[in-house]
């Protein structure tokens, strides 16, 4: 499994997408404001995603 890097766009949890801001040992911190419908979903602006639970959509 390839681990995301800062700036990569990842997809997780049934279609949510975000930009990786920080890479930790077991997870990444993701900025969700990348999504067009971010405000409609009423989510926090950032979240933590385990490396096992995402796929990389676009790399930098």
PDB file of N, CA and C in Angstrom:
ATOM      1  N   UNK A   1       0.842  -1.186   0.000  1.00  0.00           N
ATOM      2  CA  UNK A   1       0.000   0.000   0.000  1.00  0.00           C
ATOM      3  C   UNK A   1       0.888   1.251   0.000  1.00  0.00           C
ATOM      4  N   UNK A   2       0.590   2.178  -0.900  1.00  0.00           N
ATOM      5  CA  UNK A   2       1.330   3.436  -0.973  1.00  0.00           C
ATOM      6  C   UNK A   2       0.724   4.431   0.004  1.00  0.00           C
ATOM      7  N   UNK A   3       1.572   5.083   0.765  1.00  0.00           N
ATOM      8  CA  UNK A   3       1.120   6.079   1.739  1.00  0.00           C
ATOM      9  C   UNK A   3       1.081   7.447   1.059  1.00  0.00           C
ATOM     10  N   UNK A   4       0.023   8.191   1.306  1.00  0.00           N
ATOM     11  CA  UNK A   4      -0.153   9.523   0.717  1.00  0.00           C
ATOM     12  C   UNK A   4       0.905  10.484   1.247  1.00  0.00           C
ATOM     13  N   UNK A   5       1.175  11.507   0.460  1.00  0.00           N
ATOM     14  CA  UNK A   5       2.112  12.561   0.836  1.00  0.00           C
ATOM     15  C   UNK A   5       1.350  13.877   0.940  1.00  0.00           C
ATOM     16  N   UNK A   6       1.968  14.860   1.565  1.00  0.00           N
ATOM     17  CA  UNK A   6       1.354  16.180   1.700  1.00  0.00           C
ATOM     18  C   UNK A   6       1.012  16.723   0.311  1.00  0.00           C
ATOM     19  N   UNK A   7      -0.213  17.199   0.160  1.00  0.00           N
ATOM     20  CA  UNK A   7      -0.677  17.753  -1.113  1.00  0.00           C
ATOM     21  C   UNK A   7      -1.456  16.770  -1.967  1.00  0.00           C
ATOM     22  N   UNK A   8      -1.362  15.471  -1.668  1.00  0.00           N
ATOM     23  CA  UNK A   8      -2.128  14.473  -2.414  1.00  0.00           C
ATOM     24  C   UNK A   8      -3.614  14.612  -2.109  1.00  0.00           C
ATOM     25  N   UNK A   9      -4.436  14.239  -3.062  1.00  0.00           N
ATOM     26  CA  UNK A   9      -5.879  14.205  -2.852  1.00  0.00           C
ATOM     27  C   UNK A   9      -6.259  12.740  -2.636  1.00  0.00           C
ATOM     28  N   UNK A  10      -6.979  12.493  -1.539  1.00  0.00           N
ATOM     29  CA  UNK A  10      -7.382  11.128  -1.221  1.00  0.00           C
ATOM     30  C   UNK A  10      -8.902  11.019  -1.161  1.00  0.00           C
ATOM     31  N   UNK A  11      -9.388   9.804  -1.321  1.00  0.00           N
ATOM     32  CA  UNK A  11     -10.820   9.524  -1.209  1.00  0.00           C
ATOM     33  C   UNK A  11     -10.996   8.482  -0.115  1.00  0.00           C
ATOM     34  N   UNK A  12     -12.025   8.669   0.702  1.00  0.00           N
ATOM     35  CA  UNK A  12     -12.263   7.765   1.817  1.00  0.00           C
ATOM     36  C   UNK A  12     -13.742   7.789   2.179  1.00  0.00           C
ATOM     37  N   UNK A  13     -14.158   6.833   2.965  1.00  0.00           N
ATOM     38  CA  UNK A  13     -15.514   6.783   3.539  1.00  0.00           C
ATOM     39  C   UNK A  13     -16.607   7.137   2.530  1.00  0.00           C
ATOM     40  N   UNK A  14     -16.790   6.281   1.536  1.00  0.00           N
ATOM     41  CA  UNK A  14     -17.893   6.418   0.581  1.00  0.00           C
ATOM     42  C   UNK A  14     -17.897   7.728  -0.201  1.00  0.00           C
ATOM     43  N   UNK A  15     -16.755   8.142  -0.707  1.00  0.00           N
ATOM     44  CA  UNK A  15     -16.713   9.266  -1.632  1.00  0.00           C
ATOM     45  C   UNK A  15     -16.244  10.601  -1.100  1.00  0.00           C
ATOM     46  N   UNK A  16     -15.952  10.717   0.193  1.00  0.00           N
ATOM     47  CA  UNK A  16     -15.406  11.978   0.693  1.00  0.00           C
ATOM     48  C   UNK A  16     -14.002  12.154   0.153  1.00  0.00           C
ATOM     49  N   UNK A  17     -13.646  13.372  -0.191  1.00  0.00           N
ATOM     50  CA  UNK A  17     -12.312  13.667  -0.719  1.00  0.00           C
ATOM     51  C   UNK A  17     -11.699  14.827   0.045  1.00  0.00           C
ATOM     52  N   UNK A  18     -10.376  14.832   0.091  1.00  0.00           N
ATOM     53  CA  UNK A  18      -9.686  15.919   0.758  1.00  0.00           C
ATOM     54  C   UNK A  18      -8.218  15.953   0.396  1.00  0.00           C
ATOM     55  N   UNK A  19      -7.563  17.034   0.796  1.00  0.00           N
ATOM     56  CA  UNK A  19      -6.137  17.232   0.538  1.00  0.00           C
ATOM     57  C   UNK A  19      -5.365  16.893   1.802  1.00  0.00           C
ATOM     58  N   UNK A  20      -4.326  16.075   1.654  1.00  0.00           N
ATOM     59  CA  UNK A  20      -3.508  15.673   2.795  1.00  0.00           C
ATOM     60  C   UNK A  20      -2.679  16.865   3.260  1.00  0.00           C
ATOM     61  N   UNK A  21      -2.796  17.204   4.551  1.00  0.00           N
ATOM     62  CA  UNK A  21      -2.042  18.317   5.129  1.00  0.00           C
ATOM     63  C   UNK A  21      -0.856  17.841   5.963  1.00  0.00           C
ATOM     64  N   UNK A  22      -1.000  16.661   6.582  1.00  0.00           N
ATOM     65  CA  UNK A  22       0.068  16.142   7.429  1.00  0.00           C
ATOM     66  C   UNK A  22       0.027  14.625   7.385  1.00  0.00           C
ATOM     67  N   UNK A  23       1.213  14.021   7.353  1.00  0.00           N
ATOM     68  CA  UNK A  23       1.326  12.567   7.350  1.00  0.00           C
ATOM     69  C   UNK A  23       1.899  12.132   8.685  1.00  0.00           C
ATOM     70  N   UNK A  24       1.150  11.269   9.388  1.00  0.00           N
ATOM     71  CA  UNK A  24       1.596  10.707  10.658  1.00  0.00           C
ATOM     72  C   UNK A  24       1.984   9.245  10.438  1.00  0.00           C
ATOM     73  N   UNK A  25       2.439   8.597  11.490  1.00  0.00           N
ATOM     74  CA  UNK A  25       2.880   7.204  11.381  1.00  0.00           C
ATOM     75  C   UNK A  25       1.765   6.279  10.904  1.00  0.00           C
ATOM     76  N   UNK A  26       0.567   6.431  11.450  1.00  0.00           N
ATOM     77  CA  UNK A  26      -0.538   5.533  11.118  1.00  0.00           C
ATOM     78  C   UNK A  26      -1.704   6.205  10.411  1.00  0.00           C
ATOM     79  N   UNK A  27      -1.606   7.505  10.158  1.00  0.00           N
ATOM     80  CA  UNK A  27      -2.749   8.222   9.595  1.00  0.00           C
ATOM     81  C   UNK A  27      -2.313   9.497   8.886  1.00  0.00           C
ATOM     82  N   UNK A  28      -3.286  10.138   8.249  1.00  0.00           N
ATOM     83  CA  UNK A  28      -3.063  11.442   7.628  1.00  0.00           C
ATOM     84  C   UNK A  28      -4.126  12.414   8.134  1.00  0.00           C
ATOM     85  N   UNK A  29      -3.788  13.683   8.155  1.00  0.00           N
ATOM     86  CA  UNK A  29      -4.755  14.735   8.471  1.00  0.00           C
ATOM     87  C   UNK A  29      -5.158  15.350   7.138  1.00  0.00           C
ATOM     88  N   UNK A  30      -6.489  15.431   6.922  1.00  0.00           N
ATOM     89  CA  UNK A  30      -7.030  15.800   5.623  1.00  0.00           C
ATOM     90  C   UNK A  30      -7.893  17.051   5.727  1.00  0.00           C
ATOM     91  N   UNK A  31      -7.698  17.982   4.783  1.00  0.00           N
ATOM     92  CA  UNK A  31      -8.519  19.189   4.672  1.00  0.00           C
ATOM     93  C   UNK A  31      -9.709  18.870   3.768  1.00  0.00           C
ATOM     94  N   UNK A  32     -10.908  18.890   4.325  1.00  0.00           N
ATOM     95  CA  UNK A  32     -12.111  18.516   3.581  1.00  0.00           C
ATOM     96  C   UNK A  32     -12.715  19.664   2.784  1.00  0.00           C
ATOM     97  N   UNK A  33     -12.235  20.876   2.972  1.00  0.00           N
ATOM     98  CA  UNK A  33     -12.814  22.023   2.261  1.00  0.00           C
ATOM     99  C   UNK A  33     -12.538  21.948   0.761  1.00  0.00           C
ATOM    100  N   UNK A  34     -11.762  20.979   0.325  1.00  0.00           N
ATOM    101  CA  UNK A  34     -11.487  20.743  -1.099  1.00  0.00           C
ATOM    102  C   UNK A  34     -12.762  20.392  -1.865  1.00  0.00           C
ATOM    103  N   UNK A  35     -13.693  19.721  -1.196  1.00  0.00           N
ATOM    104  CA  UNK A  35     -14.922  19.266  -1.862  1.00  0.00           C
ATOM    105  C   UNK A  35     -15.852  20.443  -2.156  1.00  0.00           C
ATOM    106  N   UNK A  36     -16.484  20.406  -3.322  1.00  0.00           N
ATOM    107  CA  UNK A  36     -17.428  21.464  -3.708  1.00  0.00           C
ATOM    108  C   UNK A  36     -18.620  21.529  -2.768  1.00  0.00           C
ATOM    109  N   UNK A  37     -19.082  20.368  -2.288  1.00  0.00           N
ATOM    110  CA  UNK A  37     -20.270  20.319  -1.442  1.00  0.00           C
ATOM    111  C   UNK A  37     -19.924  20.279   0.048  1.00  0.00           C
ATOM    112  N   UNK A  38     -18.759  20.743   0.412  1.00  0.00           N
ATOM    113  CA  UNK A  38     -18.291  20.702   1.806  1.00  0.00           C
ATOM    114  C   UNK A  38     -19.291  21.354   2.762  1.00  0.00           C
ATOM    115  N   UNK A  39     -19.773  22.523   2.432  1.00  0.00           N
ATOM    116  CA  UNK A  39     -20.698  23.240   3.333  1.00  0.00           C
ATOM    117  C   UNK A  39     -22.044  22.517   3.461  1.00  0.00           C
ATOM    118  N   UNK A  40     -22.482  21.881   2.406  1.00  0.00           N
ATOM    119  CA  UNK A  40     -23.755  21.156   2.443  1.00  0.00           C
ATOM    120  C   UNK A  40     -23.690  19.946   3.372  1.00  0.00           C
ATOM    121  N   UNK A  41     -22.531  19.345   3.499  1.00  0.00           N
ATOM    122  CA  UNK A  41     -22.370  18.135   4.310  1.00  0.00           C
ATOM    123  C   UNK A  41     -22.247  18.422   5.802  1.00  0.00           C
ATOM    124  N   UNK A  42     -22.002  19.675   6.152  1.00  0.00           N
ATOM    125  CA  UNK A  42     -21.876  20.096   7.551  1.00  0.00           C
ATOM    126  C   UNK A  42     -20.832  19.272   8.311  1.00  0.00           C
ATOM    127  N   UNK A  43     -19.650  19.176   7.736  1.00  0.00           N
ATOM    128  CA  UNK A  43     -18.530  18.452   8.344  1.00  0.00           C
ATOM    129  C   UNK A  43     -17.535  19.422   8.941  1.00  0.00           C
ATOM    130  N   UNK A  44     -16.686  18.923   9.827  1.00  0.00           N
ATOM    131  CA  UNK A  44     -15.547  19.699  10.307  1.00  0.00           C
ATOM    132  C   UNK A  44     -14.623  19.953   9.112  1.00  0.00           C
ATOM    133  N   UNK A  45     -13.779  20.956   9.194  1.00  0.00           N
ATOM    134  CA  UNK A  45     -12.918  21.272   8.054  1.00  0.00           C
ATOM    135  C   UNK A  45     -11.763  20.288   7.892  1.00  0.00           C
ATOM    136  N   UNK A  46     -11.377  19.607   8.970  1.00  0.00           N
ATOM    137  CA  UNK A  46     -10.285  18.633   8.906  1.00  0.00           C
ATOM    138  C   UNK A  46     -10.695  17.346   9.610  1.00  0.00           C
ATOM    139  N   UNK A  47     -10.064  16.257   9.182  1.00  0.00           N
ATOM    140  CA  UNK A  47     -10.298  14.974   9.840  1.00  0.00           C
ATOM    141  C   UNK A  47      -9.050  14.113   9.744  1.00  0.00           C
ATOM    142  N   UNK A  48      -9.011  13.055  10.538  1.00  0.00           N
ATOM    143  CA  UNK A  48      -7.902  12.114  10.544  1.00  0.00           C
ATOM    144  C   UNK A  48      -8.368  10.824   9.889  1.00  0.00           C
ATOM    145  N   UNK A  49      -7.549  10.288   8.976  1.00  0.00           N
ATOM    146  CA  UNK A  49      -7.901   9.063   8.271  1.00  0.00           C
ATOM    147  C   UNK A  49      -6.723   8.092   8.374  1.00  0.00           C
ATOM    148  N   UNK A  50      -7.001   6.860   8.807  1.00  0.00           N
ATOM    149  CA  UNK A  50      -5.982   5.830   8.898  1.00  0.00           C
ATOM    150  C   UNK A  50      -5.501   5.464   7.491  1.00  0.00           C
ATOM    151  N   UNK A  51      -4.225   5.089   7.379  1.00  0.00           N
ATOM    152  CA  UNK A  51      -3.663   4.727   6.078  1.00  0.00           C
ATOM    153  C   UNK A  51      -4.423   3.578   5.417  1.00  0.00           C
ATOM    154  N   UNK A  52      -5.040   2.721   6.190  1.00  0.00           N
ATOM    155  CA  UNK A  52      -5.778   1.573   5.649  1.00  0.00           C
ATOM    156  C   UNK A  52      -7.107   1.976   5.030  1.00  0.00           C
ATOM    157  N   UNK A  53      -7.582   3.194   5.318  1.00  0.00           N
ATOM    158  CA  UNK A  53      -8.951   3.569   4.975  1.00  0.00           C
ATOM    159  C   UNK A  53      -9.091   4.601   3.870  1.00  0.00           C
ATOM    160  N   UNK A  54      -8.078   4.783   3.042  1.00  0.00           N
ATOM    161  CA  UNK A  54      -8.208   5.728   1.933  1.00  0.00           C
ATOM    162  C   UNK A  54      -7.514   5.205   0.698  1.00  0.00           C
ATOM    163  N   UNK A  55      -7.849   5.822  -0.436  1.00  0.00           N
ATOM    164  CA  UNK A  55      -7.094   5.568  -1.659  1.00  0.00           C
ATOM    165  C   UNK A  55      -6.675   6.912  -2.229  1.00  0.00           C
ATOM    166  N   UNK A  56      -5.514   6.937  -2.844  1.00  0.00           N
ATOM    167  CA  UNK A  56      -4.966   8.169  -3.412  1.00  0.00           C
ATOM    168  C   UNK A  56      -5.618   8.402  -4.783  1.00  0.00           C
ATOM    169  N   UNK A  57      -6.210   9.595  -4.944  1.00  0.00           N
ATOM    170  CA  UNK A  57      -6.865   9.962  -6.195  1.00  0.00           C
ATOM    171  C   UNK A  57      -5.887  10.680  -7.112  1.00  0.00           C
ATOM    172  N   UNK A  58      -5.189  11.685  -6.568  1.00  0.00           N
ATOM    173  CA  UNK A  58      -4.243  12.490  -7.327  1.00  0.00           C
ATOM    174  C   UNK A  58      -2.997  12.736  -6.491  1.00  0.00           C
ATOM    175  N   UNK A  59      -1.838  12.565  -7.095  1.00  0.00           N
ATOM    176  CA  UNK A  59      -0.594  12.858  -6.393  1.00  0.00           C
ATOM    177  C   UNK A  59      -0.028  14.174  -6.892  1.00  0.00           C
ATOM    178  N   UNK A  60       0.830  14.777  -6.085  1.00  0.00           N
ATOM    179  CA  UNK A  60       1.421  16.057  -6.474  1.00  0.00           C
ATOM    180  C   UNK A  60       2.586  15.861  -7.417  1.00  0.00           C
TER     181      UNK A  60
END
